[in-house]
C-alpha atoms as a PDB file:
ATOM      1  CA  MET A   1       0.268   0.210  -0.051  1.00  0.00           C
ATOM      2  CA  LYS A   2       2.806   2.379   1.015  1.00  0.00           C
ATOM      3  CA  ARG A   3       4.489   1.736  -3.013  1.00  0.00           C
ATOM      4  CA  PHE A   4       0.807   2.068  -4.399  1.00  0.00           C
ATOM      5  CA  LEU A   5      -0.310   5.870  -2.842  1.00  0.00           C
ATOM      6  CA  PRO A   6       2.984   7.746  -4.179  1.00  0.00           C
ATOM      7  CA  LEU A   7       2.175   6.352  -8.012  1.00  0.00           C
ATOM      8  CA  LEU A   8      -1.268   7.267  -7.127  1.00  0.00           C
ATOM      9  CA  PHE A   9      -0.378  10.522  -6.190  1.00  0.00           C
ATOM     10  CA  ILE A  10       1.450  11.192  -9.204  1.00  0.00           C
ATOM     11  CA  ALA A  11      -1.247   9.888 -11.839  1.00  0.00           C
ATOM     12  CA  VAL A  12      -3.553  12.128 -10.570  1.00  0.00           C
ATOM     13  CA  LEU A  13      -1.535  15.165 -10.292  1.00  0.00           C
ATOM     14  CA  LEU A  14      -0.107  14.239 -14.210  1.00  0.00           C
ATOM     15  CA  ALA A  15      -4.333  13.977 -14.993  1.00  0.00           C
ATOM     16  CA  SER A  16      -4.976  17.354 -13.464  1.00  0.00           C
ATOM     17  CA  CYS A  17      -2.195  19.329 -15.170  1.00  0.00           C
ATOM     18  CA  SER A  18      -3.197  17.907 -18.273  1.00  0.00           C
ATOM     19  CA  SER A  19      -6.747  19.602 -18.002  1.00  0.00           C
ATOM     20  CA  VAL A  20      -5.684  22.829 -16.072  1.00  0.00           C
ATOM     21  CA  SER A  21      -6.127  24.936 -18.985  1.00  0.00           C
ATOM     22  CA  PRO A  22      -6.588  25.838 -22.388  1.00  0.00           C
ATOM     23  CA  ASP A  23      -3.473  27.730 -22.638  1.00  0.00           C
ATOM     24  CA  ARG A  24      -1.219  24.740 -21.209  1.00  0.00           C
ATOM     25  CA  ARG A  25      -2.992  22.440 -23.773  1.00  0.00           C
ATOM     26  CA  GLN A  26      -2.095  24.750 -26.578  1.00  0.00           C
ATOM     27  CA  LYS A  27       1.845  25.208 -25.342  1.00  0.00           C
ATOM     28  CA  GLY A  28       4.009  25.061 -28.679  1.00  0.00           C
ATOM     29  CA  LYS A  29       0.721  25.584 -30.926  1.00  0.00           C
ATOM     30  CA  THR A  30       0.405  28.601 -32.878  1.00  0.00           C
ATOM     31  CA  GLN A  31      -2.950  30.206 -32.887  1.00  0.00           C
ATOM     32  CA  GLN A  32      -4.839  30.540 -36.227  1.00  0.00           C
ATOM     33  CA  LEU A  33      -4.894  34.483 -37.225  1.00  0.00           C
ATOM     34  CA  PRO A  34      -7.522  35.776 -39.660  1.00  0.00           C
ATOM     35  CA  VAL A  35      -6.821  36.282 -43.097  1.00  0.00           C
ATOM     36  CA  LEU A  36      -6.280  40.093 -43.220  1.00  0.00           C
ATOM     37  CA  GLU A  37      -3.826  42.548 -45.146  1.00  0.00           C
ATOM     38  CA  MET A  38      -2.731  45.728 -44.151  1.00  0.00           C
ATOM     39  CA  PRO A  39      -4.070  48.110 -46.881  1.00  0.00           C
ATOM     40  CA  GLY A  40      -1.451  50.221 -49.182  1.00  0.00           C
ATOM     41  CA  ASN A  41       1.524  47.739 -48.202  1.00  0.00           C
ATOM     42  CA  HIS A  42      -0.072  44.422 -47.938  1.00  0.00           C
ATOM     43  CA  LEU A  43       1.082  43.123 -44.827  1.00  0.00           C
ATOM     44  CA  ALA A  44      -0.464  40.094 -43.655  1.00  0.00           C
ATOM     45  CA  PHE A  45      -1.945  39.284 -40.097  1.00  0.00           C
ATOM     46  CA  LYS A  46      -0.776  35.386 -40.666  1.00  0.00           C
ATOM     47  CA  GLU A  47       2.760  36.912 -41.256  1.00  0.00           C
ATOM     48  CA  ILE A  48       3.303  36.641 -37.786  1.00  0.00           C
ATOM     49  CA  GLU A  49       1.433  33.566 -36.938  1.00  0.00           C
ATOM     50  CA  GLY A  50       3.291  32.109 -33.705  1.00  0.00           C
ATOM     51  CA  TYR A  51       3.659  35.667 -31.952  1.00  0.00           C
ATOM     52  CA  ASN A  52       2.745  33.911 -29.050  1.00  0.00           C
ATOM     53  CA  ARG A  53       5.873  32.169 -29.162  1.00  0.00           C
ATOM     54  CA  TYR A  54       7.696  35.489 -29.244  1.00  0.00           C
ATOM     55  CA  ARG A  55       9.618  36.584 -25.913  1.00  0.00           C
ATOM     56  CA  ILE A  56       8.460  39.990 -24.017  1.00  0.00           C
ATOM     57  CA  VAL A  57      10.811  42.885 -24.592  1.00  0.00           C
ATOM     58  CA  ALA A  58       8.529  45.467 -22.184  1.00  0.00           C
ATOM     59  CA  THR A  59       5.408  46.503 -21.153  1.00  0.00           C
ATOM     60  CA  HIS A  60       3.757  49.574 -21.263  1.00  0.00           C
ATOM     61  CA  TYR A  61       0.510  51.404 -20.260  1.00  0.00           C
ATOM     62  CA  ARG A  62      -0.952  53.945 -22.224  1.00  0.00           C
ATOM     63  CA  THR A  63      -2.793  56.617 -20.680  1.00  0.00           C
ATOM     64  CA  ASP A  64      -4.189  58.100 -23.133  1.00  0.00           C
ATOM     65  CA  LYS A  65      -5.761  55.084 -24.347  1.00  0.00           C
ATOM     66  CA  LYS A  66      -6.148  53.277 -20.965  1.00  0.00           C
ATOM     67  CA  GLU A  67      -4.409  50.205 -23.005  1.00  0.00           C
ATOM     68  CA  LEU A  68      -1.593  47.931 -21.142  1.00  0.00           C
ATOM     69  CA  ARG A  69       0.583  46.780 -23.869  1.00  0.00           C
ATOM     70  CA  TYR A  70       2.510  44.160 -23.959  1.00  0.00           C
ATOM     71  CA  VAL A  71       5.848  44.535 -26.636  1.00  0.00           C
ATOM     72  CA  LEU A  72       7.413  41.028 -27.996  1.00  0.00           C
ATOM     73  CA  ALA A  73       9.953  39.710 -30.190  1.00  0.00           C
ATOM     74  CA  ASN A  74      10.719  37.075 -32.483  1.00  0.00           C
ATOM     75  CA  ASP A  75      14.437  35.474 -31.960  1.00  0.00           C
ATOM     76  CA  LYS A  76      16.232  37.963 -34.156  1.00  0.00           C
ATOM     77  CA  ALA A  77      14.825  41.201 -32.634  1.00  0.00           C
ATOM     78  CA  PHE A  78      14.868  39.567 -28.963  1.00  0.00           C
ATOM     79  CA  LYS A  79      18.739  38.852 -29.382  1.00  0.00           C
ATOM     80  CA  ALA A  80      19.706  41.992 -30.591  1.00  0.00           C
ATOM     81  CA  LEU A  81      17.467  44.068 -28.299  1.00  0.00           C
ATOM     82  CA  SER A  82      18.259  42.050 -25.132  1.00  0.00           C
ATOM     83  CA  GLU A  83      21.970  43.050 -26.385  1.00  0.00           C
ATOM     84  CA  ASN A  84      21.153  46.662 -26.795  1.00  0.00           C
ATOM     85  CA  ARG A  85      22.315  46.539 -30.531  1.00  0.00           C
ATOM     86  CA  TYR A  86      20.769  48.647 -32.932  1.00  0.00           C
ATOM     87  CA  PRO A  87      20.202  48.715 -35.871  1.00  0.00           C
ATOM     88  CA  LEU A  88      18.179  45.506 -35.809  1.00  0.00           C
ATOM     89  CA  PRO A  89      18.847  42.741 -38.020  1.00  0.00           C
ATOM     90  CA  GLU A  90      16.910  41.968 -41.276  1.00  0.00           C
ATOM     91  CA  GLY A  91      13.651  39.692 -40.490  1.00  0.00           C
ATOM     92  CA  SER A  92      13.334  41.262 -37.229  1.00  0.00           C
ATOM     93  CA  LYS A  93       9.723  41.242 -35.963  1.00  0.00           C
ATOM     94  CA  VAL A  94       8.157  43.492 -33.065  1.00  0.00           C
ATOM     95  CA  VAL A  95       4.722  42.844 -32.004  1.00  0.00           C
ATOM     96  CA  LYS A  96       2.790  45.083 -29.707  1.00  0.00           C
ATOM     97  CA  ILE A  97      -0.602  43.689 -28.006  1.00  0.00           C
ATOM     98  CA  GLY A  98      -2.819  46.225 -26.540  1.00  0.00           C
ATOM     99  CA  TRP A  99      -5.590  45.364 -23.903  1.00  0.00           C
ATOM    100  CA  LYS A 100      -8.159  47.304 -22.740  1.00  0.00           C
ATOM    101  CA  THR A 101      -7.665  47.366 -18.472  1.00  0.00           C
ATOM    102  CA  ASN A 102     -10.003  46.315 -16.194  1.00  0.00           C
ATOM    103  CA  LYS A 103      -9.754  46.898 -12.380  1.00  0.00           C
ATOM    104  CA  MET A 104      -8.718  43.236 -10.791  1.00  0.00           C
ATOM    105  CA  ALA A 105     -12.080  41.489  -9.119  1.00  0.00           C
ATOM    106  CA  ARG A 106     -10.136  39.976  -6.040  1.00  0.00           C
ATOM    107  CA  PHE A 107      -7.671  43.163  -5.556  1.00  0.00           C
ATOM    108  CA  GLY A 108      -9.223  46.427  -6.381  1.00  0.00           C
ATOM    109  CA  ALA A 109      -6.482  48.814  -6.043  1.00  0.00           C
ATOM    110  CA  ALA A 110      -4.996  46.703  -9.459  1.00  0.00           C
ATOM    111  CA  LEU A 111      -5.544  46.611 -13.089  1.00  0.00           C
ATOM    112  CA  GLU A 112      -5.594  43.459 -15.226  1.00  0.00           C
ATOM    113  CA  ALA A 113      -5.534  42.959 -18.698  1.00  0.00           C
ATOM    114  CA  GLY A 114      -9.067  42.642 -20.305  1.00  0.00           C
ATOM    115  CA  LYS A 115      -9.904  42.384 -23.847  1.00  0.00           C
ATOM    116  CA  ILE A 116      -7.449  42.687 -26.388  1.00  0.00           C
ATOM    117  CA  GLN A 117      -8.118  45.897 -28.374  1.00  0.00           C
ATOM    118  CA  ARG A 118      -5.253  45.420 -30.960  1.00  0.00           C
ATOM    119  CA  VAL A 119      -2.537  43.719 -32.261  1.00  0.00           C
ATOM    120  CA  GLU A 120       0.472  45.772 -34.193  1.00  0.00           C
ATOM    121  CA  TYR A 121       3.811  44.574 -35.541  1.00  0.00           C
ATOM    122  CA  MET A 122       6.692  45.895 -37.401  1.00  0.00           C
ATOM    123  CA  VAL A 123       8.904  44.034 -39.626  1.00  0.00           C
ATOM    124  CA  LYS A 124      12.354  44.861 -40.718  1.00  0.00           C
ATOM    125  CA  ASP A 125      12.344  44.075 -44.800  1.00  0.00           C
ATOM    126  CA  SER A 126      14.494  46.211 -46.652  1.00  0.00           C
ATOM    127  CA  LYS A 127      13.369  44.578 -49.959  1.00  0.00           C
ATOM    128  CA  ARG A 128       9.564  45.084 -49.247  1.00  0.00           C
ATOM    129  CA  PHE A 129      10.317  48.720 -47.093  1.00  0.00           C
ATOM    130  CA  PRO A 130      13.281  50.503 -48.811  1.00  0.00           C
ATOM    131  CA  GLY A 131      11.834  53.763 -48.473  1.00  0.00           C
ATOM    132  CA  ASN A 132      10.606  53.333 -44.856  1.00  0.00           C
ATOM    133  CA  PRO A 133      12.837  55.136 -42.099  1.00  0.00           C
ATOM    134  CA  GLY A 134      14.830  51.767 -41.110  1.00  0.00           C
ATOM    135  CA  SER A 135      13.286  49.634 -43.650  1.00  0.00           C
ATOM    136  CA  TRP A 136      10.127  48.958 -41.023  1.00  0.00           C
ATOM    137  CA  GLY A 137       6.933  47.979 -42.171  1.00  0.00           C
ATOM    138  CA  TYR A 138       3.751  48.361 -39.851  1.00  0.00           C
ATOM    139  CA  ALA A 139       0.449  46.369 -39.514  1.00  0.00           C
ATOM    140  CA  ARG A 140      -2.336  47.091 -37.219  1.00  0.00           C
ATOM    141  CA  PHE A 141      -4.897  44.957 -36.454  1.00  0.00           C
ATOM    142  CA  VAL A 142      -7.890  46.078 -34.243  1.00  0.00           C
ATOM    143  CA  LYS A 143     -10.707  43.923 -32.687  1.00  0.00           C
ATOM    144  CA  GLN A 144     -13.974  45.178 -32.053  1.00  0.00           C
ATOM    145  CA  ASN A 145     -17.232  42.856 -31.358  1.00  0.00           C
ATOM    146  CA  GLY A 146     -14.905  39.920 -31.268  1.00  0.00           C
ATOM    147  CA  LYS A 147     -13.658  40.316 -34.734  1.00  0.00           C
ATOM    148  CA  TYR A 148     -10.164  41.650 -36.169  1.00  0.00           C
ATOM    149  CA  ARG A 149     -10.092  44.085 -39.347  1.00  0.00           C
ATOM    150  CA  ALA A 150      -7.125  45.853 -40.666  1.00  0.00           C
ATOM    151  CA  TRP A 151      -6.782  49.322 -39.540  1.00  0.00           C
ATOM    152  CA  GLY A 152      -8.072  51.234 -42.456  1.00  0.00           C
ATOM    153  CA  LYS A 153      -6.191  54.319 -42.460  1.00  0.00           C
ATOM    154  CA  GLY A 154      -2.716  52.885 -43.969  1.00  0.00           C
ATOM    155  CA  THR A 155       0.546  53.487 -42.099  1.00  0.00           C
ATOM    156  CA  ALA A 156       1.397  56.938 -42.754  1.00  0.00           C
ATOM    157  CA  ALA A 157       0.953  57.670 -39.265  1.00  0.00           C
ATOM    158  CA  CYS A 158       2.747  54.693 -37.814  1.00  0.00           C
ATOM    159  CA  ILE A 159       5.714  55.564 -39.919  1.00  0.00           C
ATOM    160  CA  ALA A 160       5.571  59.387 -38.819  1.00  0.00           C
ATOM    161  CA  CYS A 161       5.223  58.449 -35.210  1.00  0.00           C
ATOM    162  CA  HIS A 162       7.841  56.161 -35.044  1.00  0.00           C
ATOM    163  CA  ASN A 163       9.982  58.336 -37.362  1.00  0.00           C
ATOM    164  CA  THR A 164      10.174  60.625 -33.727  1.00  0.00           C
ATOM    165  CA  ALA A 165      11.557  57.622 -31.731  1.00  0.00           C
ATOM    166  CA  GLY A 166      15.000  58.281 -33.771  1.00  0.00           C
ATOM    167  CA  LYS A 167      17.391  56.645 -35.651  1.00  0.00           C
ATOM    168  CA  GLU A 168      19.834  55.724 -32.741  1.00  0.00           C
ATOM    169  CA  GLN A 169      17.371  53.152 -31.475  1.00  0.00           C
ATOM    170  CA  ASP A 170      15.917  51.985 -35.183  1.00  0.00           C
ATOM    171  CA  PHE A 171      12.763  53.802 -34.639  1.00  0.00           C
ATOM    172  CA  LEU A 172      11.555  51.702 -31.979  1.00  0.00           C
ATOM    173  CA  PHE A 173       9.824  53.004 -28.764  1.00  0.00           C
ATOM    174  CA  SER A 174      10.493  50.161 -26.340  1.00  0.00           C
ATOM    175  CA  ARG A 175      13.831  49.061 -25.157  1.00  0.00           C
ATOM    176  CA  TYR A 176      14.431  45.889 -23.301  1.00  0.00           C
ATOM    177  CA  GLN A 177      13.287  45.650 -20.012  1.00  0.00           C
ATOM    178  CA  LYS A 178      15.546  43.236 -18.048  1.00  0.00           C
ATOM    179  CA  VAL A 179      13.602  40.978 -15.664  1.00  0.00           C
ATOM    180  CA  TYR A 180      16.612  40.855 -13.238  1.00  0.00           C
END
């Protein structure tokens, strides 16, 4: 009986872990993104499929939009950002996810992420975007009523705003935030 109890405990633990949450079951799988393109530059939402496996570079809270933002990077961009190397290499992708914030139900002094409001990304591609500062291409997909749509205003505003971030930081606002 003494040998049986530890084995039973391990079996129950393993069974419960497999049903803890959908996120755990999805580990390593890519999400299916909608078939959408940005007008003008034709960057597709699907180009960043698997961004849920990118690494966190920074977090921000945008006060004017009351939006919590996570900034993620693919391996190429993450390596350069974590080493503070600019400009980022060709093929770098930086994704920004913006969530509406809600008061945390169990701790009212805190805010937590609510519904996703937008997913935006930048891709460094000198062949497709040679005329853009830093050869960055931009895409923004806004979520309303549970569905994404491409932002219809094009990317001129993205380019103008990121141009203010400056060449010395490769037209990025975010810097790598160390967690140690």
